Amino acid sequence: YPENIVIRDVNMDVANQACVHCHADVTDDIRHGA
């Protein structure tokens, strides 16, 4: 494993979805605009 552990792309997608799961009300306009 590397000295600086790096998250895999698939796990980054999971983390982003977790952000949205908890913060959907705050991020709704941002996500729909994107």
PDB file of all heavy atoms in Angstrom:
ATOM      1  N   TYR A   1       0.855  -1.180   0.000  1.00  0.00           N
ATOM      2  CA  TYR A   1       0.000   0.000   0.000  1.00  0.00           C
ATOM      3  C   TYR A   1       0.895   1.235   0.000  1.00  0.00           C
ATOM      4  O   TYR A   1       2.027   1.190   0.472  1.00  0.00           O
ATOM      5  CB  TYR A   1      -0.952   0.016   1.203  1.00  0.00           C
ATOM      6  CG  TYR A   1      -0.258  -0.034   2.535  1.00  0.00           C
ATOM      7  CD1 TYR A   1       0.129   1.132   3.179  1.00  0.00           C
ATOM      8  CD2 TYR A   1       0.025  -1.250   3.146  1.00  0.00           C
ATOM      9  CE1 TYR A   1       0.790   1.091   4.395  1.00  0.00           C
ATOM     10  CE2 TYR A   1       0.681  -1.296   4.359  1.00  0.00           C
ATOM     11  CZ  TYR A   1       1.062  -0.128   4.972  1.00  0.00           C
ATOM     12  OH  TYR A   1       1.710  -0.174   6.173  1.00  0.00           O
ATOM     13  N   PRO A   2       0.383   2.347  -0.571  1.00  0.00           N
ATOM     14  CA  PRO A   2       1.225   3.554  -0.635  1.00  0.00           C
ATOM     15  C   PRO A   2       1.378   4.203   0.737  1.00  0.00           C
ATOM     16  O   PRO A   2       0.556   3.986   1.632  1.00  0.00           O
ATOM     17  CB  PRO A   2       0.448   4.471  -1.578  1.00  0.00           C
ATOM     18  CG  PRO A   2      -0.955   4.005  -1.496  1.00  0.00           C
ATOM     19  CD  PRO A   2      -0.907   2.528  -1.206  1.00  0.00           C
ATOM     20  N   GLU A   3       2.414   4.986   0.893  1.00  0.00           N
ATOM     21  CA  GLU A   3       2.646   5.711   2.150  1.00  0.00           C
ATOM     22  C   GLU A   3       1.445   6.597   2.483  1.00  0.00           C
ATOM     23  O   GLU A   3       0.986   6.623   3.613  1.00  0.00           O
ATOM     24  CB  GLU A   3       3.920   6.559   2.032  1.00  0.00           C
ATOM     25  CG  GLU A   3       4.271   7.321   3.293  1.00  0.00           C
ATOM     26  CD  GLU A   3       4.764   6.417   4.414  1.00  0.00           C
ATOM     27  OE1 GLU A   3       5.308   5.343   4.135  1.00  0.00           O
ATOM     28  OE2 GLU A   3       4.587   6.808   5.585  1.00  0.00           O
ATOM     29  N   ASN A   4       0.972   7.330   1.499  1.00  0.00           N
ATOM     30  CA  ASN A   4      -0.241   8.130   1.653  1.00  0.00           C
ATOM     31  C   ASN A   4      -1.400   7.337   1.075  1.00  0.00           C
ATOM     32  O   ASN A   4      -1.502   7.175  -0.136  1.00  0.00           O
ATOM     33  CB  ASN A   4      -0.119   9.475   0.923  1.00  0.00           C
ATOM     34  CG  ASN A   4       0.915  10.367   1.577  1.00  0.00           C
ATOM     35  OD1 ASN A   4       1.057  10.381   2.787  1.00  0.00           O
ATOM     36  ND2 ASN A   4       1.651  11.093   0.762  1.00  0.00           N
ATOM     37  N   ILE A   5      -2.259   6.839   1.929  1.00  0.00           N
ATOM     38  CA  ILE A   5      -3.382   6.012   1.486  1.00  0.00           C
ATOM     39  C   ILE A   5      -4.316   6.863   0.636  1.00  0.00           C
ATOM     40  O   ILE A   5      -4.674   7.980   1.018  1.00  0.00           O
ATOM     41  CB  ILE A   5      -4.112   5.416   2.699  1.00  0.00           C
ATOM     42  CG1 ILE A   5      -3.161   4.498   3.458  1.00  0.00           C
ATOM     43  CG2 ILE A   5      -5.359   4.669   2.251  1.00  0.00           C
ATOM     44  CD1 ILE A   5      -3.715   3.978   4.747  1.00  0.00           C
ATOM     45  N   VAL A   6      -4.707   6.329  -0.513  1.00  0.00           N
ATOM     46  CA  VAL A   6      -5.557   7.043  -1.460  1.00  0.00           C
ATOM     47  C   VAL A   6      -6.852   6.258  -1.640  1.00  0.00           C
ATOM     48  O   VAL A   6      -6.828   5.040  -1.832  1.00  0.00           O
ATOM     49  CB  VAL A   6      -4.840   7.197  -2.825  1.00  0.00           C
ATOM     50  CG1 VAL A   6      -5.725   7.895  -3.824  1.00  0.00           C
ATOM     51  CG2 VAL A   6      -3.529   7.941  -2.652  1.00  0.00           C
ATOM     52  N   ILE A   7      -7.971   6.948  -1.596  1.00  0.00           N
ATOM     53  CA  ILE A   7      -9.263   6.313  -1.759  1.00  0.00           C
ATOM     54  C   ILE A   7      -9.468   5.915  -3.220  1.00  0.00           C
ATOM     55  O   ILE A   7      -9.081   6.657  -4.128  1.00  0.00           O
ATOM     56  CB  ILE A   7     -10.393   7.249  -1.257  1.00  0.00           C
ATOM     57  CG1 ILE A   7     -11.719   6.513  -1.155  1.00  0.00           C
ATOM     58  CG2 ILE A   7     -10.500   8.483  -2.128  1.00  0.00           C
ATOM     59  CD1 ILE A   7     -12.798   7.301  -0.417  1.00  0.00           C
ATOM     60  N   ARG A   8     -10.046   4.732  -3.433  1.00  0.00           N
ATOM     61  CA  ARG A   8     -10.336   4.287  -4.805  1.00  0.00           C
ATOM     62  C   ARG A   8     -11.531   5.072  -5.343  1.00  0.00           C
ATOM     63  O   ARG A   8     -12.357   5.570  -4.580  1.00  0.00           O
ATOM     64  CB  ARG A   8     -10.691   2.800  -4.823  1.00  0.00           C
ATOM     65  CG  ARG A   8      -9.582   1.889  -4.361  1.00  0.00           C
ATOM     66  CD  ARG A   8      -9.938   0.421  -4.455  1.00  0.00           C
ATOM     67  NE  ARG A   8     -11.181   0.110  -3.752  1.00  0.00           N
ATOM     68  CZ  ARG A   8     -12.026  -0.866  -4.099  1.00  0.00           C
ATOM     69  NH1 ARG A   8     -11.773  -1.631  -5.129  1.00  0.00           N
ATOM     70  NH2 ARG A   8     -13.119  -1.096  -3.404  1.00  0.00           N
ATOM     71  N   ASP A   9     -11.624   5.171  -6.669  1.00  0.00           N
ATOM     72  CA  ASP A   9     -12.714   5.921  -7.298  1.00  0.00           C
ATOM     73  C   ASP A   9     -14.089   5.384  -6.873  1.00  0.00           C
ATOM     74  O   ASP A   9     -14.999   6.154  -6.593  1.00  0.00           O
ATOM     75  CB  ASP A   9     -12.596   5.886  -8.827  1.00  0.00           C
ATOM     76  CG  ASP A   9     -11.446   6.728  -9.340  1.00  0.00           C
ATOM     77  OD1 ASP A   9     -10.959   7.602  -8.594  1.00  0.00           O
ATOM     78  OD2 ASP A   9     -11.048   6.509 -10.500  1.00  0.00           O
ATOM     79  N   VAL A  10     -14.227   4.068  -6.811  1.00  0.00           N
ATOM     80  CA  VAL A  10     -15.513   3.482  -6.425  1.00  0.00           C
ATOM     81  C   VAL A  10     -15.875   3.880  -4.994  1.00  0.00           C
ATOM     82  O   VAL A  10     -17.032   4.149  -4.682  1.00  0.00           O
ATOM     83  CB  VAL A  10     -15.515   1.943  -6.618  1.00  0.00           C
ATOM     84  CG1 VAL A  10     -14.556   1.263  -5.659  1.00  0.00           C
ATOM     85  CG2 VAL A  10     -16.915   1.378  -6.485  1.00  0.00           C
ATOM     86  N   ASN A  11     -14.877   3.959  -4.117  1.00  0.00           N
ATOM     87  CA  ASN A  11     -15.140   4.369  -2.740  1.00  0.00           C
ATOM     88  C   ASN A  11     -15.391   5.868  -2.632  1.00  0.00           C
ATOM     89  O   ASN A  11     -16.141   6.316  -1.766  1.00  0.00           O
ATOM     90  CB  ASN A  11     -13.992   3.949  -1.830  1.00  0.00           C
ATOM     91  CG  ASN A  11     -13.884   2.448  -1.731  1.00  0.00           C
ATOM     92  OD1 ASN A  11     -12.972   1.854  -2.304  1.00  0.00           O
ATOM     93  ND2 ASN A  11     -14.811   1.815  -1.051  1.00  0.00           N
ATOM     94  N   MET A  12     -14.795   6.649  -3.533  1.00  0.00           N
ATOM     95  CA  MET A  12     -15.067   8.087  -3.572  1.00  0.00           C
ATOM     96  C   MET A  12     -16.517   8.328  -3.963  1.00  0.00           C
ATOM     97  O   MET A  12     -17.183   9.212  -3.418  1.00  0.00           O
ATOM     98  CB  MET A  12     -14.118   8.783  -4.548  1.00  0.00           C
ATOM     99  CG  MET A  12     -14.296  10.293  -4.568  1.00  0.00           C
ATOM    100  SD  MET A  12     -13.888  11.087  -3.006  1.00  0.00           S
ATOM    101  CE  MET A  12     -12.120  11.068  -3.095  1.00  0.00           C
ATOM    102  N   ASP A  13     -17.027   7.526  -4.897  1.00  0.00           N
ATOM    103  CA  ASP A  13     -18.438   7.632  -5.278  1.00  0.00           C
ATOM    104  C   ASP A  13     -19.344   7.315  -4.096  1.00  0.00           C
ATOM    105  O   ASP A  13     -20.347   7.999  -3.866  1.00  0.00           O
ATOM    106  CB  ASP A  13     -18.759   6.699  -6.451  1.00  0.00           C
ATOM    107  CG  ASP A  13     -18.104   7.138  -7.744  1.00  0.00           C
ATOM    108  OD1 ASP A  13     -17.717   8.324  -7.855  1.00  0.00           O
ATOM    109  OD2 ASP A  13     -17.986   6.289  -8.653  1.00  0.00           O
ATOM    110  N   VAL A  14     -18.991   6.290  -3.330  1.00  0.00           N
ATOM    111  CA  VAL A  14     -19.765   5.930  -2.135  1.00  0.00           C
ATOM    112  C   VAL A  14     -19.738   7.084  -1.141  1.00  0.00           C
ATOM    113  O   VAL A  14     -20.775   7.448  -0.572  1.00  0.00           O
ATOM    114  CB  VAL A  14     -19.223   4.629  -1.495  1.00  0.00           C
ATOM    115  CG1 VAL A  14     -19.808   4.417  -0.107  1.00  0.00           C
ATOM    116  CG2 VAL A  14     -19.513   3.431  -2.387  1.00  0.00           C
ATOM    117  N   ALA A  15     -18.572   7.691  -0.925  1.00  0.00           N
ATOM    118  CA  ALA A  15     -18.453   8.808   0.018  1.00  0.00           C
ATOM    119  C   ALA A  15     -19.297   9.999  -0.439  1.00  0.00           C
ATOM    120  O   ALA A  15     -19.976  10.631   0.372  1.00  0.00           O
ATOM    121  CB  ALA A  15     -16.986   9.215   0.185  1.00  0.00           C
ATOM    122  N   ASN A  16     -19.271  10.305  -1.740  1.00  0.00           N
ATOM    123  CA  ASN A  16     -20.085  11.408  -2.250  1.00  0.00           C
ATOM    124  C   ASN A  16     -21.571  11.133  -2.043  1.00  0.00           C
ATOM    125  O   ASN A  16     -22.331  12.028  -1.667  1.00  0.00           O
ATOM    126  CB  ASN A  16     -19.798  11.662  -3.732  1.00  0.00           C
ATOM    127  CG  ASN A  16     -18.630  12.582  -3.930  1.00  0.00           C
ATOM    128  OD1 ASN A  16     -18.549  13.634  -3.312  1.00  0.00           O
ATOM    129  ND2 ASN A  16     -17.710  12.187  -4.779  1.00  0.00           N
ATOM    130  N   GLN A  17     -21.996   9.898  -2.289  1.00  0.00           N
ATOM    131  CA  GLN A  17     -23.399   9.550  -2.077  1.00  0.00           C
ATOM    132  C   GLN A  17     -23.762   9.630  -0.585  1.00  0.00           C
ATOM    133  O   GLN A  17     -24.886   9.983  -0.238  1.00  0.00           O
ATOM    134  CB  GLN A  17     -23.701   8.154  -2.637  1.00  0.00           C
ATOM    135  CG  GLN A  17     -23.673   8.101  -4.146  1.00  0.00           C
ATOM    136  CD  GLN A  17     -24.652   9.091  -4.775  1.00  0.00           C
ATOM    137  OE1 GLN A  17     -25.784   9.233  -4.341  1.00  0.00           O
ATOM    138  NE2 GLN A  17     -24.186   9.797  -5.786  1.00  0.00           N
ATOM    139  N   ALA A  18     -22.816   9.315   0.290  1.00  0.00           N
ATOM    140  CA  ALA A  18     -23.055   9.434   1.727  1.00  0.00           C
ATOM    141  C   ALA A  18     -23.247  10.893   2.124  1.00  0.00           C
ATOM    142  O   ALA A  18     -24.109  11.216   2.945  1.00  0.00           O
ATOM    143  CB  ALA A  18     -21.909   8.799   2.517  1.00  0.00           C
ATOM    144  N   CYS A  19     -22.466  11.785   1.516  1.00  0.00           N
ATOM    145  CA  CYS A  19     -22.638  13.225   1.775  1.00  0.00           C
ATOM    146  C   CYS A  19     -24.061  13.641   1.413  1.00  0.00           C
ATOM    147  O   CYS A  19     -24.741  14.323   2.183  1.00  0.00           O
ATOM    148  CB  CYS A  19     -21.662  14.058   0.948  1.00  0.00           C
ATOM    149  SG  CYS A  19     -19.916  13.829   1.304  1.00  0.00           S
ATOM    150  N   VAL A  20     -24.484  13.224   0.238  1.00  0.00           N
ATOM    151  CA  VAL A  20     -25.821  13.574  -0.248  1.00  0.00           C
ATOM    152  C   VAL A  20     -26.894  12.949   0.643  1.00  0.00           C
ATOM    153  O   VAL A  20     -27.926  13.567   0.919  1.00  0.00           O
ATOM    154  CB  VAL A  20     -26.001  13.132  -1.716  1.00  0.00           C
ATOM    155  CG1 VAL A  20     -27.430  13.289  -2.167  1.00  0.00           C
ATOM    156  CG2 VAL A  20     -25.059  13.929  -2.612  1.00  0.00           C
ATOM    157  N   HIS A  21     -26.655  11.740   1.120  1.00  0.00           N
ATOM    158  CA  HIS A  21     -27.630  11.066   1.987  1.00  0.00           C
ATOM    159  C   HIS A  21     -27.933  11.911   3.234  1.00  0.00           C
ATOM    160  O   HIS A  21     -29.088  12.067   3.613  1.00  0.00           O
ATOM    161  CB  HIS A  21     -27.091   9.690   2.400  1.00  0.00           C
ATOM    162  CG  HIS A  21     -27.973   8.951   3.342  1.00  0.00           C
ATOM    163  ND1 HIS A  21     -29.110   8.293   2.936  1.00  0.00           N
ATOM    164  CD2 HIS A  21     -27.901   8.784   4.678  1.00  0.00           C
ATOM    165  CE1 HIS A  21     -29.689   7.747   3.977  1.00  0.00           C
ATOM    166  NE2 HIS A  21     -28.980   8.030   5.058  1.00  0.00           N
ATOM    167  N   CYS A  22     -26.905  12.450   3.833  1.00  0.00           N
ATOM    168  CA  CYS A  22     -27.094  13.224   5.064  1.00  0.00           C
ATOM    169  C   CYS A  22     -27.397  14.701   4.810  1.00  0.00           C
ATOM    170  O   CYS A  22     -28.047  15.339   5.628  1.00  0.00           O
ATOM    171  CB  CYS A  22     -25.850  13.110   5.947  1.00  0.00           C
ATOM    172  SG  CYS A  22     -25.588  11.459   6.607  1.00  0.00           S
ATOM    173  N   HIS A  23     -26.926  15.230   3.702  1.00  0.00           N
ATOM    174  CA  HIS A  23     -27.043  16.665   3.448  1.00  0.00           C
ATOM    175  C   HIS A  23     -27.898  16.979   2.222  1.00  0.00           C
ATOM    176  O   HIS A  23     -27.707  18.026   1.596  1.00  0.00           O
ATOM    177  CB  HIS A  23     -25.644  17.279   3.271  1.00  0.00           C
ATOM    178  CG  HIS A  23     -24.763  17.116   4.467  1.00  0.00           C
ATOM    179  ND1 HIS A  23     -24.948  17.824   5.637  1.00  0.00           N
ATOM    180  CD2 HIS A  23     -23.680  16.314   4.682  1.00  0.00           C
ATOM    181  CE1 HIS A  23     -24.019  17.467   6.512  1.00  0.00           C
ATOM    182  NE2 HIS A  23     -23.239  16.553   5.969  1.00  0.00           N
ATOM    183  N   ALA A  24     -28.839  16.111   1.884  1.00  0.00           N
ATOM    184  CA  ALA A  24     -29.652  16.289   0.670  1.00  0.00           C
ATOM    185  C   ALA A  24     -30.408  17.615   0.680  1.00  0.00           C
ATOM    186  O   ALA A  24     -30.491  18.297  -0.342  1.00  0.00           O
ATOM    187  CB  ALA A  24     -30.621  15.128   0.514  1.00  0.00           C
ATOM    188  N   ASP A  25     -30.942  17.996   1.839  1.00  0.00           N
ATOM    189  CA  ASP A  25     -31.726  19.233   1.900  1.00  0.00           C
ATOM    190  C   ASP A  25     -30.864  20.469   1.619  1.00  0.00           C
ATOM    191  O   ASP A  25     -31.317  21.423   0.998  1.00  0.00           O
ATOM    192  CB  ASP A  25     -32.421  19.363   3.255  1.00  0.00           C
ATOM    193  CG  ASP A  25     -31.464  19.283   4.434  1.00  0.00           C
ATOM    194  OD1 ASP A  25     -30.391  18.667   4.296  1.00  0.00           O
ATOM    195  OD2 ASP A  25     -31.792  19.840   5.496  1.00  0.00           O
ATOM    196  N   VAL A  26     -29.604  20.439   2.033  1.00  0.00           N
ATOM    197  CA  VAL A  26     -28.710  21.572   1.839  1.00  0.00           C
ATOM    198  C   VAL A  26     -28.148  21.607   0.413  1.00  0.00           C
ATOM    199  O   VAL A  26     -27.911  22.672  -0.134  1.00  0.00           O
ATOM    200  CB  VAL A  26     -27.541  21.513   2.857  1.00  0.00           C
ATOM    201  CG1 VAL A  26     -26.549  22.619   2.625  1.00  0.00           C
ATOM    202  CG2 VAL A  26     -28.072  21.540   4.271  1.00  0.00           C
ATOM    203  N   THR A  27     -27.960  20.442  -0.179  1.00  0.00           N
ATOM    204  CA  THR A  27     -27.292  20.363  -1.481  1.00  0.00           C
ATOM    205  C   THR A  27     -28.247  20.208  -2.657  1.00  0.00           C
ATOM    206  O   THR A  27     -27.793  20.101  -3.794  1.00  0.00           O
ATOM    207  CB  THR A  27     -26.307  19.182  -1.502  1.00  0.00           C
ATOM    208  OG1 THR A  27     -27.043  17.958  -1.344  1.00  0.00           O
ATOM    209  CG2 THR A  27     -25.266  19.313  -0.414  1.00  0.00           C
ATOM    210  N   ASP A  28     -29.533  20.216  -2.422  1.00  0.00           N
ATOM    211  CA  ASP A  28     -30.506  19.953  -3.486  1.00  0.00           C
ATOM    212  C   ASP A  28     -30.337  20.894  -4.688  1.00  0.00           C
ATOM    213  O   ASP A  28     -30.252  20.447  -5.831  1.00  0.00           O
ATOM    214  CB  ASP A  28     -31.926  20.045  -2.929  1.00  0.00           C
ATOM    215  CG  ASP A  28     -32.955  19.558  -3.915  1.00  0.00           C
ATOM    216  OD1 ASP A  28     -32.797  18.422  -4.420  1.00  0.00           O
ATOM    217  OD2 ASP A  28     -33.908  20.310  -4.194  1.00  0.00           O
ATOM    218  N   ASP A  29     -30.284  22.191  -4.442  1.00  0.00           N
ATOM    219  CA  ASP A  29     -30.143  23.155  -5.544  1.00  0.00           C
ATOM    220  C   ASP A  29     -28.819  22.986  -6.282  1.00  0.00           C
ATOM    221  O   ASP A  29     -28.761  23.083  -7.507  1.00  0.00           O
ATOM    222  CB  ASP A  29     -30.248  24.593  -5.029  1.00  0.00           C
ATOM    223  CG  ASP A  29     -31.651  24.936  -4.569  1.00  0.00           C
ATOM    224  OD1 ASP A  29     -32.601  24.243  -4.987  1.00  0.00           O
ATOM    225  OD2 ASP A  29     -31.790  25.892  -3.791  1.00  0.00           O
ATOM    226  N   ILE A  30     -27.767  22.720  -5.550  1.00  0.00           N
ATOM    227  CA  ILE A  30     -26.448  22.546  -6.166  1.00  0.00           C
ATOM    228  C   ILE A  30     -26.451  21.316  -7.066  1.00  0.00           C
ATOM    229  O   ILE A  30     -26.021  21.371  -8.217  1.00  0.00           O
ATOM    230  CB  ILE A  30     -25.352  22.396  -5.085  1.00  0.00           C
ATOM    231  CG1 ILE A  30     -25.268  23.655  -4.232  1.00  0.00           C
ATOM    232  CG2 ILE A  30     -24.007  22.051  -5.711  1.00  0.00           C
ATOM    233  CD1 ILE A  30     -24.459  23.483  -2.962  1.00  0.00           C
ATOM    234  N   ARG A  31     -26.950  20.203  -6.542  1.00  0.00           N
ATOM    235  CA  ARG A  31     -26.936  18.958  -7.313  1.00  0.00           C
ATOM    236  C   ARG A  31     -27.841  19.043  -8.530  1.00  0.00           C
ATOM    237  O   ARG A  31     -27.458  18.618  -9.616  1.00  0.00           O
ATOM    238  CB  ARG A  31     -27.351  17.781  -6.434  1.00  0.00           C
ATOM    239  CG  ARG A  31     -26.294  17.421  -5.410  1.00  0.00           C
ATOM    240  CD  ARG A  31     -26.680  16.244  -4.542  1.00  0.00           C
ATOM    241  NE  ARG A  31     -27.813  16.555  -3.683  1.00  0.00           N
ATOM    242  CZ  ARG A  31     -29.033  16.045  -3.826  1.00  0.00           C
ATOM    243  NH1 ARG A  31     -29.304  15.193  -4.765  1.00  0.00           N
ATOM    244  NH2 ARG A  31     -30.010  16.392  -2.996  1.00  0.00           N
ATOM    245  N   HIS A  32     -29.028  19.609  -8.383  1.00  0.00           N
ATOM    246  CA  HIS A  32     -29.929  19.685  -9.527  1.00  0.00           C
ATOM    247  C   HIS A  32     -29.416  20.663 -10.581  1.00  0.00           C
ATOM    248  O   HIS A  32     -29.583  20.439 -11.767  1.00  0.00           O
ATOM    249  CB  HIS A  32     -31.354  20.030  -9.079  1.00  0.00           C
ATOM    250  CG  HIS A  32     -32.044  18.854  -8.485  1.00  0.00           C
ATOM    251  ND1 HIS A  32     -32.077  18.650  -7.136  1.00  0.00           N
ATOM    252  CD2 HIS A  32     -32.661  17.797  -9.060  1.00  0.00           C
ATOM    253  CE1 HIS A  32     -32.718  17.523  -6.881  1.00  0.00           C
ATOM    254  NE2 HIS A  32     -33.068  16.982  -8.023  1.00  0.00           N
ATOM    255  N   GLY A  33     -28.758  21.719 -10.145  1.00  0.00           N
ATOM    256  CA  GLY A  33     -28.144  22.638 -11.101  1.00  0.00           C
ATOM    257  C   GLY A  33     -27.046  21.952 -11.892  1.00  0.00           C
ATOM    258  O   GLY A  33     -26.930  22.116 -13.117  1.00  0.00           O
ATOM    259  N   ALA A  34     -26.244  21.144 -11.220  1.00  0.00           N
ATOM    260  CA  ALA A  34     -25.170  20.415 -11.901  1.00  0.00           C
ATOM    261  C   ALA A  34     -25.754  19.401 -12.873  1.00  0.00           C
ATOM    262  O   ALA A  34     -25.265  19.238 -13.989  1.00  0.00           O
ATOM    263  CB  ALA A  34     -24.268  19.718 -10.884  1.00  0.00           C
TER     264      ALA A  34
END
